[in-house]
N, C-alpha and C. Protein backbone atom coordinates (compact mmCIF):
# COMPACT_ATOMS: atom_id res chain seq x y z
N MET A 1 13.28 27.66 -3.28
CA MET A 1 12.12 27.51 -2.43
C MET A 1 11.87 26.02 -2.19
N ALA A 2 11.68 25.63 -0.97
CA ALA A 2 11.45 24.23 -0.62
C ALA A 2 10.04 23.82 -1.04
N GLU A 3 9.93 22.58 -1.50
CA GLU A 3 8.63 22.05 -1.91
C GLU A 3 7.80 21.74 -0.68
N LYS A 4 6.54 22.16 -0.71
CA LYS A 4 5.64 21.90 0.41
C LYS A 4 5.18 20.44 0.35
N LYS A 5 5.29 19.75 1.46
CA LYS A 5 4.87 18.35 1.53
C LYS A 5 3.36 18.26 1.65
N ASN A 6 2.81 17.21 1.05
CA ASN A 6 1.38 16.99 1.20
C ASN A 6 1.10 16.28 2.52
N THR A 7 -0.16 16.18 2.87
CA THR A 7 -0.57 15.60 4.15
C THR A 7 -0.03 14.19 4.34
N VAL A 8 -0.15 13.35 3.30
CA VAL A 8 0.31 11.97 3.41
C VAL A 8 1.81 11.91 3.69
N ALA A 9 2.59 12.72 3.00
CA ALA A 9 4.05 12.72 3.22
C ALA A 9 4.39 13.18 4.64
N ILE A 10 3.70 14.18 5.14
CA ILE A 10 3.94 14.67 6.50
C ILE A 10 3.62 13.58 7.52
N VAL A 11 2.46 12.94 7.36
CA VAL A 11 2.05 11.89 8.30
C VAL A 11 3.00 10.70 8.19
N ARG A 12 3.42 10.37 6.98
CA ARG A 12 4.38 9.27 6.80
C ARG A 12 5.67 9.56 7.58
N ASP A 13 6.15 10.80 7.52
CA ASP A 13 7.37 11.17 8.25
C ASP A 13 7.18 11.05 9.76
N ILE A 14 5.97 11.32 10.25
CA ILE A 14 5.68 11.19 11.67
C ILE A 14 5.52 9.71 12.05
N ALA A 15 4.82 8.95 11.21
CA ALA A 15 4.46 7.56 11.53
C ALA A 15 5.61 6.58 11.39
N LYS A 16 6.51 6.80 10.46
CA LYS A 16 7.58 5.81 10.20
C LYS A 16 8.43 5.52 11.43
N PRO A 17 9.00 6.52 12.09
CA PRO A 17 9.81 6.20 13.27
C PRO A 17 9.00 5.58 14.42
N ILE A 18 7.74 5.93 14.52
CA ILE A 18 6.88 5.32 15.55
C ILE A 18 6.67 3.85 15.24
N ALA A 19 6.33 3.55 13.99
CA ALA A 19 6.16 2.15 13.58
C ALA A 19 7.45 1.36 13.80
N ASP A 20 8.58 1.94 13.40
CA ASP A 20 9.88 1.28 13.59
C ASP A 20 10.11 0.96 15.07
N SER A 21 9.80 1.92 15.95
CA SER A 21 10.05 1.72 17.38
C SER A 21 9.16 0.63 17.96
N LEU A 22 8.03 0.35 17.31
CA LEU A 22 7.11 -0.70 17.77
C LEU A 22 7.36 -2.03 17.08
N GLY A 23 8.43 -2.07 16.25
CA GLY A 23 8.74 -3.30 15.53
C GLY A 23 7.80 -3.56 14.36
N LEU A 24 7.23 -2.50 13.82
CA LEU A 24 6.27 -2.60 12.73
C LEU A 24 6.84 -1.99 11.46
N VAL A 25 6.25 -2.36 10.34
CA VAL A 25 6.60 -1.77 9.05
C VAL A 25 5.45 -0.86 8.65
N LEU A 26 5.77 0.38 8.32
CA LEU A 26 4.75 1.30 7.81
C LEU A 26 4.51 0.94 6.35
N TRP A 27 3.34 0.36 6.04
CA TRP A 27 3.06 -0.11 4.68
C TRP A 27 2.56 1.02 3.79
N ASP A 28 1.62 1.81 4.32
CA ASP A 28 1.03 2.87 3.50
C ASP A 28 0.31 3.87 4.40
N VAL A 29 0.12 5.08 3.89
CA VAL A 29 -0.66 6.11 4.56
C VAL A 29 -1.59 6.71 3.51
N ARG A 30 -2.85 6.86 3.86
CA ARG A 30 -3.82 7.45 2.95
C ARG A 30 -4.67 8.47 3.71
N PHE A 31 -4.94 9.57 3.04
CA PHE A 31 -5.83 10.59 3.59
C PHE A 31 -6.93 10.78 2.56
N GLN A 32 -8.15 10.31 2.90
CA GLN A 32 -9.21 10.25 1.91
C GLN A 32 -10.51 10.81 2.45
N LYS A 33 -11.25 11.44 1.56
CA LYS A 33 -12.58 11.93 1.91
C LYS A 33 -13.60 10.94 1.40
N GLU A 34 -14.50 10.56 2.29
CA GLU A 34 -15.61 9.67 1.93
C GLU A 34 -16.88 10.33 2.44
N GLY A 35 -17.71 10.73 1.51
CA GLY A 35 -18.90 11.48 1.88
C GLY A 35 -18.48 12.80 2.51
N ALA A 36 -19.01 13.09 3.68
CA ALA A 36 -18.67 14.33 4.38
C ALA A 36 -17.46 14.18 5.30
N ASN A 37 -16.94 12.95 5.45
CA ASN A 37 -15.90 12.67 6.43
C ASN A 37 -14.53 12.43 5.80
N TRP A 38 -13.50 12.84 6.52
CA TRP A 38 -12.11 12.58 6.13
C TRP A 38 -11.56 11.44 6.98
N TYR A 39 -10.75 10.59 6.36
CA TYR A 39 -10.15 9.45 7.05
C TYR A 39 -8.64 9.46 6.83
N LEU A 40 -7.91 9.38 7.94
CA LEU A 40 -6.47 9.18 7.89
C LEU A 40 -6.25 7.70 8.18
N ARG A 41 -5.80 6.97 7.16
CA ARG A 41 -5.61 5.53 7.30
C ARG A 41 -4.13 5.22 7.27
N ILE A 42 -3.69 4.54 8.31
CA ILE A 42 -2.30 4.12 8.43
C ILE A 42 -2.28 2.60 8.41
N PHE A 43 -1.58 2.05 7.43
CA PHE A 43 -1.49 0.60 7.27
C PHE A 43 -0.13 0.13 7.77
N ILE A 44 -0.13 -0.86 8.66
CA ILE A 44 1.10 -1.37 9.25
C ILE A 44 1.21 -2.87 8.97
N ASP A 45 2.43 -3.38 9.05
CA ASP A 45 2.67 -4.79 8.81
C ASP A 45 3.83 -5.23 9.69
N LYS A 46 3.99 -6.53 9.82
CA LYS A 46 5.16 -7.10 10.47
C LYS A 46 5.25 -8.57 10.09
N GLU A 47 6.41 -9.13 10.25
CA GLU A 47 6.62 -10.55 9.98
C GLU A 47 5.67 -11.35 10.86
N GLY A 48 4.96 -12.28 10.26
CA GLY A 48 4.01 -13.09 11.02
C GLY A 48 2.61 -12.50 11.08
N GLY A 49 2.46 -11.27 10.60
CA GLY A 49 1.13 -10.66 10.54
C GLY A 49 0.82 -9.73 11.69
N ILE A 50 -0.17 -8.92 11.48
CA ILE A 50 -0.60 -7.90 12.44
C ILE A 50 -1.71 -8.44 13.33
N GLU A 51 -1.66 -8.08 14.60
CA GLU A 51 -2.72 -8.41 15.55
C GLU A 51 -3.38 -7.11 15.99
N ILE A 52 -4.54 -7.22 16.58
CA ILE A 52 -5.29 -6.04 17.01
C ILE A 52 -4.46 -5.17 17.95
N ASP A 53 -3.65 -5.79 18.83
CA ASP A 53 -2.82 -5.01 19.76
C ASP A 53 -1.81 -4.14 19.02
N ASP A 54 -1.31 -4.61 17.88
CA ASP A 54 -0.38 -3.80 17.09
C ASP A 54 -1.08 -2.54 16.60
N CYS A 55 -2.32 -2.68 16.15
CA CYS A 55 -3.08 -1.53 15.67
C CYS A 55 -3.38 -0.55 16.81
N VAL A 56 -3.77 -1.09 17.95
CA VAL A 56 -4.05 -0.25 19.12
C VAL A 56 -2.80 0.48 19.56
N ASN A 57 -1.67 -0.23 19.64
CA ASN A 57 -0.41 0.40 20.07
C ASN A 57 0.02 1.50 19.11
N MET A 58 -0.10 1.26 17.81
CA MET A 58 0.28 2.27 16.82
C MET A 58 -0.65 3.47 16.91
N SER A 59 -1.93 3.21 17.06
CA SER A 59 -2.91 4.28 17.17
C SER A 59 -2.63 5.16 18.38
N HIS A 60 -2.40 4.55 19.53
CA HIS A 60 -2.10 5.31 20.74
C HIS A 60 -0.79 6.08 20.61
N ALA A 61 0.21 5.46 20.00
CA ALA A 61 1.53 6.10 19.90
C ALA A 61 1.53 7.29 18.95
N ILE A 62 0.67 7.27 17.93
CA ILE A 62 0.70 8.37 16.95
C ILE A 62 -0.27 9.50 17.28
N GLU A 63 -1.23 9.25 18.14
CA GLU A 63 -2.22 10.28 18.46
C GLU A 63 -1.59 11.56 19.01
N GLU A 64 -0.70 11.43 19.98
CA GLU A 64 -0.10 12.62 20.60
C GLU A 64 0.73 13.42 19.60
N PRO A 65 1.64 12.80 18.83
CA PRO A 65 2.39 13.60 17.85
C PRO A 65 1.48 14.26 16.81
N LEU A 66 0.43 13.58 16.38
CA LEU A 66 -0.49 14.20 15.42
C LEU A 66 -1.21 15.39 16.05
N ASP A 67 -1.63 15.26 17.29
CA ASP A 67 -2.28 16.38 17.98
C ASP A 67 -1.32 17.54 18.19
N ARG A 68 -0.09 17.23 18.60
CA ARG A 68 0.89 18.27 18.90
C ARG A 68 1.35 18.99 17.63
N LEU A 69 1.66 18.25 16.58
CA LEU A 69 2.18 18.84 15.34
C LEU A 69 1.06 19.39 14.46
N ASP A 70 -0.14 18.87 14.61
CA ASP A 70 -1.35 19.34 13.94
C ASP A 70 -1.15 19.55 12.43
N PRO A 71 -0.75 18.48 11.70
CA PRO A 71 -0.48 18.64 10.26
C PRO A 71 -1.73 18.63 9.39
N ILE A 72 -2.90 18.38 9.98
CA ILE A 72 -4.13 18.26 9.20
C ILE A 72 -5.13 19.30 9.69
N GLU A 73 -5.55 20.17 8.77
CA GLU A 73 -6.42 21.28 9.16
C GLU A 73 -7.83 20.85 9.53
N GLN A 74 -8.42 19.97 8.75
CA GLN A 74 -9.81 19.57 9.00
C GLN A 74 -9.87 18.42 9.99
N SER A 75 -11.07 18.18 10.51
CA SER A 75 -11.23 17.04 11.41
C SER A 75 -11.22 15.76 10.57
N TYR A 76 -10.81 14.66 11.20
CA TYR A 76 -10.68 13.40 10.48
C TYR A 76 -10.81 12.25 11.47
N ASN A 77 -11.02 11.07 10.93
CA ASN A 77 -11.06 9.84 11.72
C ASN A 77 -9.75 9.10 11.47
N LEU A 78 -9.08 8.71 12.53
CA LEU A 78 -7.84 7.95 12.43
C LEU A 78 -8.17 6.47 12.44
N GLN A 79 -7.64 5.75 11.46
CA GLN A 79 -7.80 4.30 11.40
C GLN A 79 -6.43 3.67 11.18
N VAL A 80 -6.06 2.71 12.02
CA VAL A 80 -4.81 1.97 11.88
C VAL A 80 -5.18 0.51 11.65
N SER A 81 -4.64 -0.08 10.58
CA SER A 81 -4.98 -1.47 10.28
C SER A 81 -3.88 -2.16 9.49
N SER A 82 -4.07 -3.44 9.30
CA SER A 82 -3.21 -4.24 8.44
C SER A 82 -3.55 -3.92 6.99
N PRO A 83 -2.59 -4.06 6.07
CA PRO A 83 -2.93 -3.86 4.66
C PRO A 83 -3.74 -5.02 4.09
N GLY A 84 -3.88 -6.12 4.83
CA GLY A 84 -4.70 -7.25 4.40
C GLY A 84 -3.95 -8.21 3.50
N ILE A 85 -4.59 -9.33 3.23
CA ILE A 85 -3.97 -10.37 2.40
C ILE A 85 -3.80 -9.88 0.97
N GLU A 86 -4.84 -9.28 0.41
CA GLU A 86 -4.76 -8.75 -0.95
C GLU A 86 -4.37 -7.27 -0.88
N ARG A 87 -3.21 -7.03 -0.28
CA ARG A 87 -2.73 -5.69 -0.04
C ARG A 87 -2.36 -4.97 -1.32
N ASP A 88 -2.60 -3.67 -1.35
CA ASP A 88 -2.18 -2.86 -2.48
C ASP A 88 -0.66 -2.73 -2.46
N LEU A 89 -0.06 -2.91 -3.62
CA LEU A 89 1.38 -2.68 -3.77
C LEU A 89 1.52 -1.29 -4.35
N VAL A 90 2.16 -0.38 -3.61
CA VAL A 90 2.20 1.02 -4.04
C VAL A 90 3.60 1.61 -4.07
N ALA A 91 4.52 1.06 -3.31
CA ALA A 91 5.87 1.61 -3.23
C ALA A 91 6.86 0.65 -3.88
N ASP A 92 7.98 1.20 -4.34
CA ASP A 92 9.01 0.37 -4.97
C ASP A 92 9.37 -0.83 -4.10
N GLU A 93 9.52 -0.61 -2.79
CA GLU A 93 9.91 -1.72 -1.91
C GLU A 93 8.86 -2.83 -1.87
N HIS A 94 7.58 -2.48 -2.07
CA HIS A 94 6.53 -3.49 -2.13
C HIS A 94 6.73 -4.39 -3.34
N PHE A 95 6.99 -3.77 -4.48
CA PHE A 95 7.17 -4.55 -5.71
C PHE A 95 8.41 -5.42 -5.63
N VAL A 96 9.49 -4.89 -5.11
CA VAL A 96 10.73 -5.67 -4.95
C VAL A 96 10.46 -6.87 -4.06
N LYS A 97 9.75 -6.66 -2.95
CA LYS A 97 9.44 -7.74 -2.01
C LYS A 97 8.60 -8.84 -2.66
N TYR A 98 7.73 -8.48 -3.60
CA TYR A 98 6.81 -9.44 -4.20
C TYR A 98 7.30 -10.06 -5.51
N VAL A 99 8.53 -9.81 -5.91
CA VAL A 99 9.08 -10.50 -7.08
C VAL A 99 9.08 -12.00 -6.76
N GLY A 100 8.52 -12.79 -7.70
CA GLY A 100 8.40 -14.23 -7.51
C GLY A 100 7.10 -14.65 -6.86
N GLU A 101 6.26 -13.68 -6.49
CA GLU A 101 5.00 -13.96 -5.80
C GLU A 101 3.80 -13.72 -6.72
N LYS A 102 2.64 -14.23 -6.29
CA LYS A 102 1.39 -14.04 -7.03
C LYS A 102 0.90 -12.62 -6.81
N ILE A 103 0.51 -11.98 -7.92
CA ILE A 103 -0.09 -10.65 -7.85
C ILE A 103 -1.28 -10.60 -8.80
N MET A 104 -2.09 -9.58 -8.63
CA MET A 104 -3.13 -9.28 -9.60
C MET A 104 -3.03 -7.80 -9.91
N LEU A 105 -3.37 -7.46 -11.13
CA LEU A 105 -3.33 -6.05 -11.51
C LEU A 105 -4.46 -5.75 -12.46
N LYS A 106 -4.88 -4.52 -12.42
CA LYS A 106 -5.95 -4.06 -13.31
C LYS A 106 -5.42 -2.92 -14.15
N LEU A 107 -5.75 -2.99 -15.44
CA LEU A 107 -5.35 -1.95 -16.38
C LEU A 107 -6.56 -1.10 -16.75
N PRO A 108 -6.35 0.18 -17.03
CA PRO A 108 -7.49 1.01 -17.43
C PRO A 108 -8.01 0.63 -18.82
N ARG A 109 -7.12 0.08 -19.67
CA ARG A 109 -7.50 -0.36 -21.01
C ARG A 109 -7.07 -1.81 -21.20
N ALA A 110 -7.91 -2.57 -21.86
CA ALA A 110 -7.65 -4.00 -22.04
C ALA A 110 -6.44 -4.26 -22.94
N VAL A 111 -5.73 -5.33 -22.62
CA VAL A 111 -4.65 -5.87 -23.45
C VAL A 111 -5.09 -7.27 -23.84
N ASP A 112 -5.17 -7.52 -25.13
CA ASP A 112 -5.68 -8.81 -25.64
C ASP A 112 -7.05 -9.14 -25.03
N GLY A 113 -7.87 -8.10 -24.85
CA GLY A 113 -9.22 -8.30 -24.33
C GLY A 113 -9.30 -8.48 -22.82
N ILE A 114 -8.18 -8.33 -22.13
CA ILE A 114 -8.14 -8.55 -20.68
C ILE A 114 -7.76 -7.25 -19.96
N LYS A 115 -8.49 -6.93 -18.91
CA LYS A 115 -8.16 -5.77 -18.08
C LYS A 115 -7.57 -6.17 -16.73
N GLU A 116 -7.97 -7.35 -16.22
CA GLU A 116 -7.50 -7.79 -14.91
C GLU A 116 -6.69 -9.07 -15.07
N PHE A 117 -5.45 -9.03 -14.59
CA PHE A 117 -4.52 -10.14 -14.74
C PHE A 117 -4.17 -10.74 -13.38
N HIS A 118 -4.07 -12.05 -13.32
CA HIS A 118 -3.54 -12.77 -12.16
C HIS A 118 -2.30 -13.48 -12.66
N GLY A 119 -1.17 -13.28 -12.00
CA GLY A 119 0.06 -13.92 -12.45
C GLY A 119 1.17 -13.83 -11.42
N ILE A 120 2.36 -14.15 -11.86
CA ILE A 120 3.54 -14.09 -11.01
C ILE A 120 4.35 -12.86 -11.41
N LEU A 121 4.71 -12.05 -10.42
CA LEU A 121 5.58 -10.90 -10.69
C LEU A 121 6.99 -11.45 -10.90
N GLU A 122 7.40 -11.52 -12.13
CA GLU A 122 8.71 -12.10 -12.47
C GLU A 122 9.85 -11.11 -12.27
N LYS A 123 9.54 -9.82 -12.53
CA LYS A 123 10.61 -8.82 -12.46
C LYS A 123 9.99 -7.46 -12.19
N TYR A 124 10.75 -6.63 -11.48
CA TYR A 124 10.36 -5.24 -11.27
C TYR A 124 11.62 -4.41 -11.39
N GLU A 125 11.62 -3.54 -12.39
CA GLU A 125 12.82 -2.73 -12.64
C GLU A 125 12.42 -1.38 -13.24
N ASN A 126 12.90 -0.30 -12.62
CA ASN A 126 12.62 1.05 -13.10
C ASN A 126 11.13 1.32 -13.29
N GLY A 127 10.32 0.81 -12.36
CA GLY A 127 8.89 1.04 -12.42
C GLY A 127 8.12 0.14 -13.37
N VAL A 128 8.82 -0.80 -14.01
CA VAL A 128 8.18 -1.69 -14.97
C VAL A 128 8.02 -3.08 -14.36
N LEU A 129 6.79 -3.60 -14.43
CA LEU A 129 6.48 -4.93 -13.92
C LEU A 129 6.47 -5.91 -15.09
N THR A 130 7.06 -7.07 -14.88
CA THR A 130 6.94 -8.17 -15.82
C THR A 130 6.17 -9.26 -15.10
N VAL A 131 5.00 -9.61 -15.65
CA VAL A 131 4.10 -10.56 -15.03
C VAL A 131 3.86 -11.72 -15.98
N SER A 132 4.10 -12.94 -15.49
CA SER A 132 3.78 -14.12 -16.30
C SER A 132 2.39 -14.59 -15.89
N TYR A 133 1.60 -14.97 -16.87
CA TYR A 133 0.23 -15.40 -16.60
C TYR A 133 -0.17 -16.41 -17.68
N GLY A 134 -1.22 -17.15 -17.39
CA GLY A 134 -1.75 -18.09 -18.38
C GLY A 134 -0.74 -19.13 -18.79
N ASP A 135 -0.83 -19.56 -20.02
CA ASP A 135 0.05 -20.58 -20.57
C ASP A 135 1.30 -19.95 -21.17
N GLY A 136 2.22 -19.56 -20.31
CA GLY A 136 3.50 -19.02 -20.76
C GLY A 136 3.44 -17.61 -21.33
N LYS A 137 2.33 -16.90 -21.09
CA LYS A 137 2.21 -15.53 -21.57
C LYS A 137 2.87 -14.59 -20.57
N SER A 138 3.26 -13.42 -21.08
CA SER A 138 3.93 -12.45 -20.24
C SER A 138 3.41 -11.06 -20.56
N LEU A 139 3.30 -10.24 -19.54
CA LEU A 139 2.85 -8.85 -19.69
C LEU A 139 3.91 -7.96 -19.08
N GLU A 140 4.30 -6.93 -19.81
CA GLU A 140 5.24 -5.94 -19.30
C GLU A 140 4.51 -4.61 -19.29
N VAL A 141 4.43 -3.99 -18.11
CA VAL A 141 3.66 -2.75 -17.99
C VAL A 141 4.29 -1.85 -16.93
N ASN A 142 4.29 -0.54 -17.21
CA ASN A 142 4.76 0.43 -16.23
C ASN A 142 3.70 0.53 -15.14
N ARG A 143 4.12 0.53 -13.90
CA ARG A 143 3.14 0.55 -12.80
C ARG A 143 2.28 1.80 -12.83
N LYS A 144 2.77 2.88 -13.42
CA LYS A 144 1.98 4.11 -13.54
C LYS A 144 0.83 3.94 -14.52
N GLU A 145 0.89 2.89 -15.33
CA GLU A 145 -0.16 2.64 -16.32
C GLU A 145 -1.16 1.59 -15.83
N THR A 146 -1.13 1.29 -14.52
CA THR A 146 -2.07 0.34 -13.95
C THR A 146 -3.11 1.09 -13.12
N SER A 147 -4.30 0.50 -13.01
CA SER A 147 -5.31 1.07 -12.11
C SER A 147 -4.97 0.72 -10.67
N TRP A 148 -4.52 -0.53 -10.47
CA TRP A 148 -4.03 -0.99 -9.16
C TRP A 148 -3.25 -2.28 -9.34
N VAL A 149 -2.41 -2.56 -8.33
CA VAL A 149 -1.67 -3.82 -8.26
C VAL A 149 -1.79 -4.30 -6.82
N ARG A 150 -2.11 -5.60 -6.67
CA ARG A 150 -2.31 -6.16 -5.32
C ARG A 150 -1.64 -7.52 -5.21
N ALA A 151 -1.30 -7.87 -3.99
CA ALA A 151 -0.88 -9.24 -3.70
C ALA A 151 -2.10 -10.12 -3.98
N ASP A 152 -1.86 -11.31 -4.50
CA ASP A 152 -2.98 -12.17 -4.90
C ASP A 152 -3.01 -13.45 -4.09
N ASP A 153 -4.06 -13.58 -3.31
CA ASP A 153 -4.29 -14.82 -2.56
C ASP A 153 -5.54 -15.48 -3.11
N PHE A 154 -5.69 -15.38 -4.42
CA PHE A 154 -6.87 -15.87 -5.13
C PHE A 154 -6.94 -17.40 -5.02
N PRO A 155 -8.02 -17.95 -4.45
CA PRO A 155 -8.13 -19.41 -4.31
C PRO A 155 -8.07 -20.10 -5.66
N GLY A 156 -7.29 -21.15 -5.74
CA GLY A 156 -7.20 -21.93 -6.97
C GLY A 156 -6.21 -21.38 -7.97
N PHE A 157 -5.58 -20.25 -7.67
CA PHE A 157 -4.60 -19.69 -8.60
C PHE A 157 -3.33 -20.51 -8.56
N ASN A 158 -2.78 -20.85 -9.72
CA ASN A 158 -1.52 -21.61 -9.79
C ASN A 158 -0.40 -20.74 -10.30
């Protein structure tokens, strides 16, 4: 029996070729309920950054396939945007891309009294992040054991 795909996976399959055709990178897809409303959020990126026209073009290009294929039962608001400077790192390719870069991560439980770390992603292998921070300190943590991981554009961070 084939595994049934969830809404995010279905939308990702629809959005990826559209983003590719527009010269964009599909960064993430989220389907979230906030209050009484549902939001389908599609995050796109490209070299040099996203402009409002990129969001408009992606939004217009995906509306018809979403209406035609109708993968979402309830009504929702479609939002297309950039993942932002402090973007969430969620996929393996995000972590690979950010090796050597500044990141921040939050843990559900403190390590040495710290829950939120700012550092350099030194290595990413088999789901494990190695982050250097502070005065030569290093943290090794499985990404599944983090609350979140983001690119860090924290002012004053060295």
